[in-house]
Amino acid sequence: MVKLGYELMLCGLDDHELLKGRACAQKQLHFMDQLLDAVQSLSIGYSSCSSVQEHFEDTREKNEELLGELFSSFHLQTLLSPDCALWSLDMQTVLDEQDDDCQRPSLSVELEEEEEEEEQEEEEGEDEEGEKVVELARQLQESAAKLQALRSERFMHNKPGVTVSEANTSTLDQKLRLVISDFQQLVVAFLQVYDDELGECCQRPGPDLHPCGPVVQAVYQTLTSCSQMLEVVVEVTDTSAKAVGMVKQQQSEQICWGSSNSVMSLATKMEELTQKYKLFNDGLHKDME
């Protein structure tokens, strides 16, 4: 069934799900419409015939006549070598405009003009043809002289006497010309593609900004500042805890004081000094009284 539907151009070779009724509803409806159209066209086609067999024979004869006409000498040459433009209509107009703007006489055009002039001179007479041959010979000699001059100039650049800086300058100039030419071609190609395809996409209006944007930005900045302040508070808390730990460690640590080699902690030493100061202060007051 799939092969028959493919031959009738109703479905593809892998549309098994369509014939099993498992495809989407839209695709099945489209398939049924095409099938009904095909059946109606067949019924309309052989309505004038007495039987279906006669209709198929008539269709076969008409197809044979059509193929015979297509494969005749004239139509066959037209099919094998069609004369049509390879570009689309929009591209063809652009190419025609570029050809009109940038048309330059090439060597082939000059040769064709010279050949046409030669044919005209042959029709006018043998004397004019001889003059044309002389003129062409002179042009050929001039071209050969120019070519020889270019070759000699090239050989002069390649001689050992030429300095390295001159050779590098010549090579750099050639590379620069090549790069500029390639860049120009890329720019022209991009402009052409932009005008044909990308121009419409790039002319879309800008996006509409919601009025809540500044409010959201201010809230984000406030949250960022709060996060930074919390990080600073955490660092200060950690530093304070470390300082308290160091103080407690120093207070409980036993240290040797003075020449008496007495070992005691910092807190004990502070209490001892405080008591000595009180005794000294009390004795001083008693002496004054």
C-alpha atoms as a PDB file:
ATOM      1  CA  MET A   1       0.000   0.000   0.000  1.00  0.00           C
ATOM      2  CA  VAL A   2       2.847   2.376   0.773  1.00  0.00           C
ATOM      3  CA  LYS A   3       4.460   1.634  -2.594  1.00  0.00           C
ATOM      4  CA  LEU A   4       1.144   2.197  -4.392  1.00  0.00           C
ATOM      5  CA  GLY A   5       0.630   5.491  -2.583  1.00  0.00           C
ATOM      6  CA  TYR A   6       4.186   6.535  -3.475  1.00  0.00           C
ATOM      7  CA  GLU A   7       3.618   5.685  -7.155  1.00  0.00           C
ATOM      8  CA  LEU A   8       0.406   7.721  -7.086  1.00  0.00           C
ATOM      9  CA  MET A   9       2.412  10.590  -5.484  1.00  0.00           C
ATOM     10  CA  LEU A  10       0.141  10.565  -2.427  1.00  0.00           C
ATOM     11  CA  CYS A  11       2.742   9.754   0.241  1.00  0.00           C
ATOM     12  CA  GLY A  12       6.401   8.885   0.754  1.00  0.00           C
ATOM     13  CA  LEU A  13       8.132   5.540   0.861  1.00  0.00           C
ATOM     14  CA  ASP A  14       8.431   5.658   4.671  1.00  0.00           C
ATOM     15  CA  ASP A  15       4.892   6.838   5.502  1.00  0.00           C
ATOM     16  CA  HIS A  16       3.846   3.545   7.126  1.00  0.00           C
ATOM     17  CA  GLU A  17       2.301   5.318  10.116  1.00  0.00           C
ATOM     18  CA  LEU A  18       0.090   7.360   7.771  1.00  0.00           C
ATOM     19  CA  LEU A  19      -1.504   4.297   6.176  1.00  0.00           C
ATOM     20  CA  LYS A  20      -1.901   2.618   9.576  1.00  0.00           C
ATOM     21  CA  GLY A  21      -3.833   5.636  10.857  1.00  0.00           C
ATOM     22  CA  ARG A  22      -1.249   6.589  13.483  1.00  0.00           C
ATOM     23  CA  ALA A  23      -0.138   9.900  11.977  1.00  0.00           C
ATOM     24  CA  CYS A  24      -1.489  13.278  13.030  1.00  0.00           C
ATOM     25  CA  ALA A  25      -5.066  14.174  12.098  1.00  0.00           C
ATOM     26  CA  GLN A  26      -4.067  17.016   9.770  1.00  0.00           C
ATOM     27  CA  LYS A  27      -1.731  14.768   7.778  1.00  0.00           C
ATOM     28  CA  GLN A  28      -4.379  12.032   7.487  1.00  0.00           C
ATOM     29  CA  LEU A  29      -6.999  14.533   6.291  1.00  0.00           C
ATOM     30  CA  HIS A  30      -4.581  15.844   3.670  1.00  0.00           C
ATOM     31  CA  PHE A  31      -3.892  12.279   2.509  1.00  0.00           C
ATOM     32  CA  MET A  32      -7.627  11.504   2.241  1.00  0.00           C
ATOM     33  CA  ASP A  33      -8.228  14.714   0.262  1.00  0.00           C
ATOM     34  CA  GLN A  34      -5.496  13.786  -2.198  1.00  0.00           C
ATOM     35  CA  LEU A  35      -6.857  10.222  -2.497  1.00  0.00           C
ATOM     36  CA  LEU A  36     -10.405  11.472  -3.178  1.00  0.00           C
ATOM     37  CA  ASP A  37      -9.109  13.931  -5.762  1.00  0.00           C
ATOM     38  CA  ALA A  38      -7.226  11.120  -7.498  1.00  0.00           C
ATOM     39  CA  VAL A  39     -10.337   8.892  -7.534  1.00  0.00           C
ATOM     40  CA  GLN A  40     -12.510  11.725  -8.833  1.00  0.00           C
ATOM     41  CA  SER A  41     -10.003  12.524 -11.576  1.00  0.00           C
ATOM     42  CA  LEU A  42      -9.993   8.861 -12.636  1.00  0.00           C
ATOM     43  CA  SER A  43     -13.783   8.717 -12.655  1.00  0.00           C
ATOM     44  CA  ILE A  44     -13.965  11.920 -14.690  1.00  0.00           C
ATOM     45  CA  GLY A  45     -11.265  10.685 -17.057  1.00  0.00           C
ATOM     46  CA  TYR A  46     -12.901   7.400 -18.044  1.00  0.00           C
ATOM     47  CA  SER A  47     -16.497   8.610 -17.828  1.00  0.00           C
ATOM     48  CA  SER A  48     -16.485   9.018 -21.621  1.00  0.00           C
ATOM     49  CA  CYS A  49     -15.091   5.481 -22.110  1.00  0.00           C
ATOM     50  CA  SER A  50     -17.104   2.286 -22.006  1.00  0.00           C
ATOM     51  CA  SER A  51     -14.753   0.534 -19.558  1.00  0.00           C
ATOM     52  CA  VAL A  52     -11.743   1.091 -17.366  1.00  0.00           C
ATOM     53  CA  GLN A  53      -9.598  -1.043 -19.688  1.00  0.00           C
ATOM     54  CA  GLU A  54     -10.443   1.195 -22.618  1.00  0.00           C
ATOM     55  CA  HIS A  55      -9.589   4.267 -20.546  1.00  0.00           C
ATOM     56  CA  PHE A  56      -6.146   2.894 -19.619  1.00  0.00           C
ATOM     57  CA  GLU A  57      -5.433   1.969 -23.248  1.00  0.00           C
ATOM     58  CA  ASP A  58      -6.426   5.456 -24.372  1.00  0.00           C
ATOM     59  CA  THR A  59      -4.206   6.981 -21.674  1.00  0.00           C
ATOM     60  CA  ARG A  60      -1.292   4.745 -22.697  1.00  0.00           C
ATOM     61  CA  GLU A  61      -1.609   5.801 -26.346  1.00  0.00           C
ATOM     62  CA  LYS A  62      -1.691   9.475 -25.388  1.00  0.00           C
ATOM     63  CA  ASN A  63       1.379   9.047 -23.161  1.00  0.00           C
ATOM     64  CA  GLU A  64       3.254   7.289 -25.970  1.00  0.00           C
ATOM     65  CA  GLU A  65       2.413  10.125 -28.366  1.00  0.00           C
ATOM     66  CA  LEU A  66       3.542  12.690 -25.790  1.00  0.00           C
ATOM     67  CA  LEU A  67       6.837  10.861 -25.169  1.00  0.00           C
ATOM     68  CA  GLY A  68       7.409  10.484 -28.893  1.00  0.00           C
ATOM     69  CA  GLU A  69       6.917  14.204 -29.379  1.00  0.00           C
ATOM     70  CA  LEU A  70       9.173  15.081 -26.440  1.00  0.00           C
ATOM     71  CA  PHE A  71      11.978  12.815 -27.605  1.00  0.00           C
ATOM     72  CA  SER A  72      11.935  14.098 -31.162  1.00  0.00           C
ATOM     73  CA  SER A  73      15.076  15.776 -32.462  1.00  0.00           C
ATOM     74  CA  PHE A  74      14.064  19.373 -31.724  1.00  0.00           C
ATOM     75  CA  HIS A  75      12.527  18.829 -28.280  1.00  0.00           C
ATOM     76  CA  LEU A  76      15.275  16.424 -27.237  1.00  0.00           C
ATOM     77  CA  GLN A  77      17.966  19.025 -27.915  1.00  0.00           C
ATOM     78  CA  THR A  78      15.923  21.554 -25.939  1.00  0.00           C
ATOM     79  CA  LEU A  79      15.681  19.165 -22.979  1.00  0.00           C
ATOM     80  CA  LEU A  80      19.371  18.241 -23.031  1.00  0.00           C
ATOM     81  CA  SER A  81      20.638  21.821 -23.372  1.00  0.00           C
ATOM     82  CA  PRO A  82      17.993  24.181 -21.969  1.00  0.00           C
ATOM     83  CA  ASP A  83      18.507  27.886 -22.452  1.00  0.00           C
ATOM     84  CA  CYS A  84      17.554  29.331 -19.091  1.00  0.00           C
ATOM     85  CA  ALA A  85      19.063  31.662 -16.513  1.00  0.00           C
ATOM     86  CA  LEU A  86      20.773  29.988 -13.568  1.00  0.00           C
ATOM     87  CA  TRP A  87      19.955  32.861 -11.240  1.00  0.00           C
ATOM     88  CA  SER A  88      16.610  33.813  -9.750  1.00  0.00           C
ATOM     89  CA  LEU A  89      14.753  36.844 -11.075  1.00  0.00           C
ATOM     90  CA  ASP A  90      15.743  39.139  -8.199  1.00  0.00           C
ATOM     91  CA  MET A  91      19.410  38.114  -8.481  1.00  0.00           C
ATOM     92  CA  GLN A  92      19.347  38.488 -12.273  1.00  0.00           C
ATOM     93  CA  THR A  93      18.289  42.142 -12.030  1.00  0.00           C
ATOM     94  CA  VAL A  94      21.131  42.873  -9.605  1.00  0.00           C
ATOM     95  CA  LEU A  95      23.640  41.122 -11.855  1.00  0.00           C
ATOM     96  CA  ASP A  96      22.386  43.041 -14.894  1.00  0.00           C
ATOM     97  CA  GLU A  97      22.795  46.344 -13.032  1.00  0.00           C
ATOM     98  CA  GLN A  98      26.303  45.397 -11.945  1.00  0.00           C
ATOM     99  CA  ASP A  99      27.178  44.413 -15.500  1.00  0.00           C
ATOM    100  CA  ASP A 100      25.914  47.769 -16.773  1.00  0.00           C
ATOM    101  CA  ASP A 101      27.800  49.745 -14.089  1.00  0.00           C
ATOM    102  CA  CYS A 102      31.047  47.771 -14.054  1.00  0.00           C
ATOM    103  CA  GLN A 103      31.295  46.708 -17.684  1.00  0.00           C
ATOM    104  CA  ARG A 104      34.895  46.850 -18.861  1.00  0.00           C
ATOM    105  CA  PRO A 105      36.283  45.788 -22.222  1.00  0.00           C
ATOM    106  CA  SER A 106      38.084  42.469 -21.766  1.00  0.00           C
ATOM    107  CA  LEU A 107      40.605  40.827 -24.021  1.00  0.00           C
ATOM    108  CA  SER A 108      37.978  38.508 -25.502  1.00  0.00           C
ATOM    109  CA  VAL A 109      35.751  41.468 -26.382  1.00  0.00           C
ATOM    110  CA  GLU A 110      38.673  43.194 -28.067  1.00  0.00           C
ATOM    111  CA  LEU A 111      39.490  40.063 -30.033  1.00  0.00           C
ATOM    112  CA  GLU A 112      35.856  39.732 -31.120  1.00  0.00           C
ATOM    113  CA  GLU A 113      35.830  43.352 -32.232  1.00  0.00           C
ATOM    114  CA  GLU A 114      39.048  42.801 -34.115  1.00  0.00           C
ATOM    115  CA  GLU A 115      37.613  39.697 -35.766  1.00  0.00           C
ATOM    116  CA  GLU A 116      34.494  41.627 -36.782  1.00  0.00           C
ATOM    117  CA  GLU A 117      36.673  44.382 -38.173  1.00  0.00           C
ATOM    118  CA  GLU A 118      38.689  41.791 -40.052  1.00  0.00           C
ATOM    119  CA  GLU A 119      35.533  40.310 -41.570  1.00  0.00           C
ATOM    120  CA  GLN A 120      34.352  43.757 -42.635  1.00  0.00           C
ATOM    121  CA  GLU A 121      37.744  44.506 -44.134  1.00  0.00           C
ATOM    122  CA  GLU A 122      37.705  41.187 -45.990  1.00  0.00           C
ATOM    123  CA  GLU A 123      34.397  42.186 -47.526  1.00  0.00           C
ATOM    124  CA  GLU A 124      35.723  45.608 -48.468  1.00  0.00           C
ATOM    125  CA  GLY A 125      38.779  44.273 -50.238  1.00  0.00           C
ATOM    126  CA  GLU A 126      42.155  42.600 -50.084  1.00  0.00           C
ATOM    127  CA  ASP A 127      44.028  45.901 -49.703  1.00  0.00           C
ATOM    128  CA  GLU A 128      42.240  46.833 -46.491  1.00  0.00           C
ATOM    129  CA  GLU A 129      42.769  43.291 -45.196  1.00  0.00           C
ATOM    130  CA  GLY A 130      46.508  43.639 -45.706  1.00  0.00           C
ATOM    131  CA  GLU A 131      46.521  46.909 -43.775  1.00  0.00           C
ATOM    132  CA  LYS A 132      44.653  45.261 -40.927  1.00  0.00           C
ATOM    133  CA  VAL A 133      47.153  42.409 -40.817  1.00  0.00           C
ATOM    134  CA  VAL A 134      49.971  44.941 -40.626  1.00  0.00           C
ATOM    135  CA  GLU A 135      48.192  46.768 -37.791  1.00  0.00           C
ATOM    136  CA  LEU A 136      47.646  43.530 -35.874  1.00  0.00           C
ATOM    137  CA  ALA A 137      51.270  42.567 -36.377  1.00  0.00           C
ATOM    138  CA  ARG A 138      52.333  45.941 -34.994  1.00  0.00           C
ATOM    139  CA  GLN A 139      50.070  45.500 -31.950  1.00  0.00           C
ATOM    140  CA  LEU A 140      51.433  42.013 -31.448  1.00  0.00           C
ATOM    141  CA  GLN A 141      54.986  43.323 -31.523  1.00  0.00           C
ATOM    142  CA  GLU A 142      54.107  46.023 -28.996  1.00  0.00           C
ATOM    143  CA  SER A 143      52.497  43.446 -26.703  1.00  0.00           C
ATOM    144  CA  ALA A 144      55.551  41.200 -27.030  1.00  0.00           C
ATOM    145  CA  ALA A 145      57.821  44.139 -26.171  1.00  0.00           C
ATOM    146  CA  LYS A 146      55.745  44.962 -23.075  1.00  0.00           C
ATOM    147  CA  LEU A 147      55.815  41.318 -22.009  1.00  0.00           C
ATOM    148  CA  GLN A 148      59.583  41.193 -22.449  1.00  0.00           C
ATOM    149  CA  ALA A 149      59.948  44.355 -20.370  1.00  0.00           C
ATOM    150  CA  LEU A 150      57.861  42.824 -17.583  1.00  0.00           C
ATOM    151  CA  ARG A 151      59.943  39.653 -17.682  1.00  0.00           C
ATOM    152  CA  SER A 152      63.195  41.594 -17.498  1.00  0.00           C
ATOM    153  CA  GLU A 153      61.847  43.606 -14.571  1.00  0.00           C
ATOM    154  CA  ARG A 154      60.909  40.373 -12.828  1.00  0.00           C
ATOM    155  CA  PHE A 155      64.385  38.945 -13.421  1.00  0.00           C
ATOM    156  CA  MET A 156      65.921  42.130 -12.017  1.00  0.00           C
ATOM    157  CA  HIS A 157      63.963  41.622  -8.800  1.00  0.00           C
ATOM    158  CA  ASN A 158      65.213  38.033  -8.540  1.00  0.00           C
ATOM    159  CA  LYS A 159      68.914  38.883  -9.095  1.00  0.00           C
ATOM    160  CA  PRO A 160      71.334  38.455  -6.149  1.00  0.00           C
ATOM    161  CA  GLY A 161      72.222  42.145  -6.288  1.00  0.00           C
ATOM    162  CA  VAL A 162      68.791  43.162  -5.155  1.00  0.00           C
ATOM    163  CA  THR A 163      68.654  43.868  -1.436  1.00  0.00           C
ATOM    164  CA  VAL A 164      66.435  41.950   0.918  1.00  0.00           C
ATOM    165  CA  SER A 165      64.426  45.035   1.821  1.00  0.00           C
ATOM    166  CA  GLU A 166      63.470  45.679  -1.817  1.00  0.00           C
ATOM    167  CA  ALA A 167      62.380  42.056  -2.302  1.00  0.00           C
ATOM    168  CA  ASN A 168      60.366  42.160   0.923  1.00  0.00           C
ATOM    169  CA  THR A 169      58.760  45.434  -0.134  1.00  0.00           C
ATOM    170  CA  SER A 170      57.714  43.961  -3.486  1.00  0.00           C
ATOM    171  CA  THR A 171      56.313  40.830  -1.849  1.00  0.00           C
ATOM    172  CA  LEU A 172      54.502  42.885   0.774  1.00  0.00           C
ATOM    173  CA  ASP A 173      52.979  45.086  -1.921  1.00  0.00           C
ATOM    174  CA  GLN A 174      51.675  42.044  -3.809  1.00  0.00           C
ATOM    175  CA  LYS A 175      50.236  40.499  -0.644  1.00  0.00           C
ATOM    176  CA  LEU A 176      48.605  43.783   0.313  1.00  0.00           C
ATOM    177  CA  ARG A 177      46.999  44.123  -3.106  1.00  0.00           C
ATOM    178  CA  LEU A 178      45.682  40.548  -2.869  1.00  0.00           C
ATOM    179  CA  VAL A 179      44.268  41.090   0.621  1.00  0.00           C
ATOM    180  CA  ILE A 180      42.570  44.345  -0.389  1.00  0.00           C
ATOM    181  CA  SER A 181      41.057  42.691  -3.463  1.00  0.00           C
ATOM    182  CA  ASP A 182      39.707  39.773  -1.408  1.00  0.00           C
ATOM    183  CA  PHE A 183      38.354  42.160   1.216  1.00  0.00           C
ATOM    184  CA  GLN A 184      36.585  44.214  -1.451  1.00  0.00           C
ATOM    185  CA  GLN A 185      34.961  41.081  -2.861  1.00  0.00           C
ATOM    186  CA  LEU A 186      33.805  40.046   0.617  1.00  0.00           C
ATOM    187  CA  VAL A 187      32.339  43.494   1.271  1.00  0.00           C
ATOM    188  CA  VAL A 188      30.503  43.508  -2.064  1.00  0.00           C
ATOM    189  CA  ALA A 189      29.135  40.011  -1.411  1.00  0.00           C
ATOM    190  CA  PHE A 190      28.004  40.969   2.101  1.00  0.00           C
ATOM    191  CA  LEU A 191      26.270  44.123   0.854  1.00  0.00           C
ATOM    192  CA  GLN A 192      24.482  42.120  -1.814  1.00  0.00           C
ATOM    193  CA  VAL A 193      23.302  39.506   0.694  1.00  0.00           C
ATOM    194  CA  TYR A 194      22.306  42.252   3.130  1.00  0.00           C
ATOM    195  CA  ASP A 195      20.220  44.061   0.515  1.00  0.00           C
ATOM    196  CA  ASP A 196      18.523  40.841  -0.663  1.00  0.00           C
ATOM    197  CA  GLU A 197      17.980  38.852   2.546  1.00  0.00           C
ATOM    198  CA  LEU A 198      19.190  40.539   5.756  1.00  0.00           C
ATOM    199  CA  GLY A 199      17.871  44.044   5.184  1.00  0.00           C
ATOM    200  CA  GLU A 200      14.300  43.242   6.204  1.00  0.00           C
ATOM    201  CA  CYS A 201      15.413  41.431   9.370  1.00  0.00           C
ATOM    202  CA  CYS A 202      17.702  44.291  10.458  1.00  0.00           C
ATOM    203  CA  GLN A 203      14.993  46.960  10.095  1.00  0.00           C
ATOM    204  CA  ARG A 204      12.837  45.639  12.908  1.00  0.00           C
ATOM    205  CA  PRO A 205      11.839  48.126  15.651  1.00  0.00           C
ATOM    206  CA  GLY A 206      13.741  48.083  18.901  1.00  0.00           C
ATOM    207  CA  PRO A 207      12.414  46.252  21.960  1.00  0.00           C
ATOM    208  CA  ASP A 208       9.977  47.972  24.314  1.00  0.00           C
ATOM    209  CA  LEU A 209      11.544  48.467  27.747  1.00  0.00           C
ATOM    210  CA  HIS A 210       9.277  47.958  30.769  1.00  0.00           C
ATOM    211  CA  PRO A 211       9.007  50.977  33.123  1.00  0.00           C
ATOM    212  CA  CYS A 212       9.916  48.754  36.084  1.00  0.00           C
ATOM    213  CA  GLY A 213      13.451  48.389  34.755  1.00  0.00           C
ATOM    214  CA  PRO A 214      15.010  51.217  36.862  1.00  0.00           C
ATOM    215  CA  VAL A 215      13.234  49.906  39.987  1.00  0.00           C
ATOM    216  CA  VAL A 216      14.600  46.413  39.426  1.00  0.00           C
ATOM    217  CA  GLN A 217      18.061  47.858  38.824  1.00  0.00           C
ATOM    218  CA  ALA A 218      17.910  49.866  42.084  1.00  0.00           C
ATOM    219  CA  VAL A 219      16.755  46.790  44.034  1.00  0.00           C
ATOM    220  CA  TYR A 220      19.578  44.761  42.528  1.00  0.00           C
ATOM    221  CA  GLN A 221      22.151  47.401  43.497  1.00  0.00           C
ATOM    222  CA  THR A 222      20.737  47.526  47.061  1.00  0.00           C
ATOM    223  CA  LEU A 223      20.895  43.749  47.389  1.00  0.00           C
ATOM    224  CA  THR A 224      24.466  43.784  46.102  1.00  0.00           C
ATOM    225  CA  SER A 225      25.463  46.423  48.686  1.00  0.00           C
ATOM    226  CA  CYS A 226      23.745  44.456  51.470  1.00  0.00           C
ATOM    227  CA  SER A 227      25.543  41.283  50.432  1.00  0.00           C
ATOM    228  CA  GLN A 228      28.874  43.111  50.497  1.00  0.00           C
ATOM    229  CA  MET A 229      28.127  44.545  53.974  1.00  0.00           C
ATOM    230  CA  LEU A 230      27.234  41.069  55.279  1.00  0.00           C
ATOM    231  CA  GLU A 231      30.517  39.721  53.935  1.00  0.00           C
ATOM    232  CA  VAL A 232      32.371  42.536  55.759  1.00  0.00           C
ATOM    233  CA  VAL A 233      30.493  41.754  59.029  1.00  0.00           C
ATOM    234  CA  VAL A 234      31.413  38.078  58.718  1.00  0.00           C
ATOM    235  CA  GLU A 235      35.077  38.986  58.214  1.00  0.00           C
ATOM    236  CA  VAL A 236      35.028  41.346  61.253  1.00  0.00           C
ATOM    237  CA  THR A 237      33.401  38.646  63.407  1.00  0.00           C
ATOM    238  CA  ASP A 238      36.001  36.086  62.380  1.00  0.00           C
ATOM    239  CA  THR A 239      38.825  38.544  63.083  1.00  0.00           C
ATOM    240  CA  SER A 240      37.374  39.397  66.538  1.00  0.00           C
ATOM    241  CA  ALA A 241      37.052  35.711  67.422  1.00  0.00           C
ATOM    242  CA  LYS A 242      40.655  35.097  66.403  1.00  0.00           C
ATOM    243  CA  ALA A 243      41.817  38.084  68.513  1.00  0.00           C
ATOM    244  CA  VAL A 244      39.902  36.826  71.587  1.00  0.00           C
ATOM    245  CA  GLY A 245      41.409  33.381  71.147  1.00  0.00           C
ATOM    246  CA  MET A 246      44.918  34.807  70.942  1.00  0.00           C
ATOM    247  CA  VAL A 247      44.347  36.884  74.120  1.00  0.00           C
ATOM    248  CA  LYS A 248      43.050  33.882  76.039  1.00  0.00           C
ATOM    249  CA  GLN A 249      46.013  31.842  74.875  1.00  0.00           C
ATOM    250  CA  GLN A 250      48.451  34.522  76.066  1.00  0.00           C
ATOM    251  CA  GLN A 251      46.670  34.842  79.429  1.00  0.00           C
ATOM    252  CA  SER A 252      46.867  31.121  80.126  1.00  0.00           C
ATOM    253  CA  GLU A 253      50.395  30.709  78.776  1.00  0.00           C
ATOM    254  CA  GLN A 254      53.162  30.372  81.419  1.00  0.00           C
ATOM    255  CA  ILE A 255      55.941  32.964  80.933  1.00  0.00           C
ATOM    256  CA  CYS A 256      59.256  33.434  82.760  1.00  0.00           C
ATOM    257  CA  TRP A 257      59.392  36.928  84.351  1.00  0.00           C
ATOM    258  CA  GLY A 258      62.492  38.813  85.459  1.00  0.00           C
ATOM    259  CA  SER A 259      65.680  37.485  87.032  1.00  0.00           C
ATOM    260  CA  SER A 260      63.859  35.471  89.681  1.00  0.00           C
ATOM    261  CA  ASN A 261      62.946  32.909  87.053  1.00  0.00           C
ATOM    262  CA  SER A 262      59.377  32.898  88.327  1.00  0.00           C
ATOM    263  CA  VAL A 263      57.015  31.302  85.826  1.00  0.00           C
ATOM    264  CA  MET A 264      53.443  32.545  85.792  1.00  0.00           C
ATOM    265  CA  SER A 265      50.754  33.605  83.350  1.00  0.00           C
ATOM    266  CA  LEU A 266      50.071  37.117  82.189  1.00  0.00           C
ATOM    267  CA  ALA A 267      46.863  37.402  84.260  1.00  0.00           C
ATOM    268  CA  THR A 268      48.615  36.259  87.419  1.00  0.00           C
ATOM    269  CA  LYS A 269      51.438  38.723  86.799  1.00  0.00           C
ATOM    270  CA  MET A 270      48.907  41.551  86.298  1.00  0.00           C
ATOM    271  CA  GLU A 271      47.181  40.695  89.595  1.00  0.00           C
ATOM    272  CA  GLU A 272      50.547  40.625  91.382  1.00  0.00           C
ATOM    273  CA  LEU A 273      51.486  44.006  89.983  1.00  0.00           C
ATOM    274  CA  THR A 274      48.073  45.399  90.969  1.00  0.00           C
ATOM    275  CA  GLN A 275      48.485  44.220  94.562  1.00  0.00           C
ATOM    276  CA  LYS A 276      52.021  45.663  94.779  1.00  0.00           C
ATOM    277  CA  TYR A 277      50.728  48.967  93.476  1.00  0.00           C
ATOM    278  CA  LYS A 278      47.985  49.026  96.106  1.00  0.00           C
ATOM    279  CA  LEU A 279      50.467  48.249  98.913  1.00  0.00           C
ATOM    280  CA  PHE A 280      52.828  50.929  97.652  1.00  0.00           C
ATOM    281  CA  ASN A 281      50.021  53.453  97.399  1.00  0.00           C
ATOM    282  CA  ASP A 282      48.756  52.666 100.932  1.00  0.00           C
ATOM    283  CA  GLY A 283      52.243  52.956 102.423  1.00  0.00           C
ATOM    284  CA  LEU A 284      52.771  56.286 100.677  1.00  0.00           C
ATOM    285  CA  HIS A 285      49.539  57.693 102.145  1.00  0.00           C
ATOM    286  CA  LYS A 286      50.483  56.522 105.666  1.00  0.00           C
ATOM    287  CA  ASP A 287      53.905  58.222 105.484  1.00  0.00           C
ATOM    288  CA  MET A 288      52.301  61.459 104.383  1.00  0.00           C
ATOM    289  CA  GLU A 289      49.908  61.398 107.344  1.00  0.00           C
END
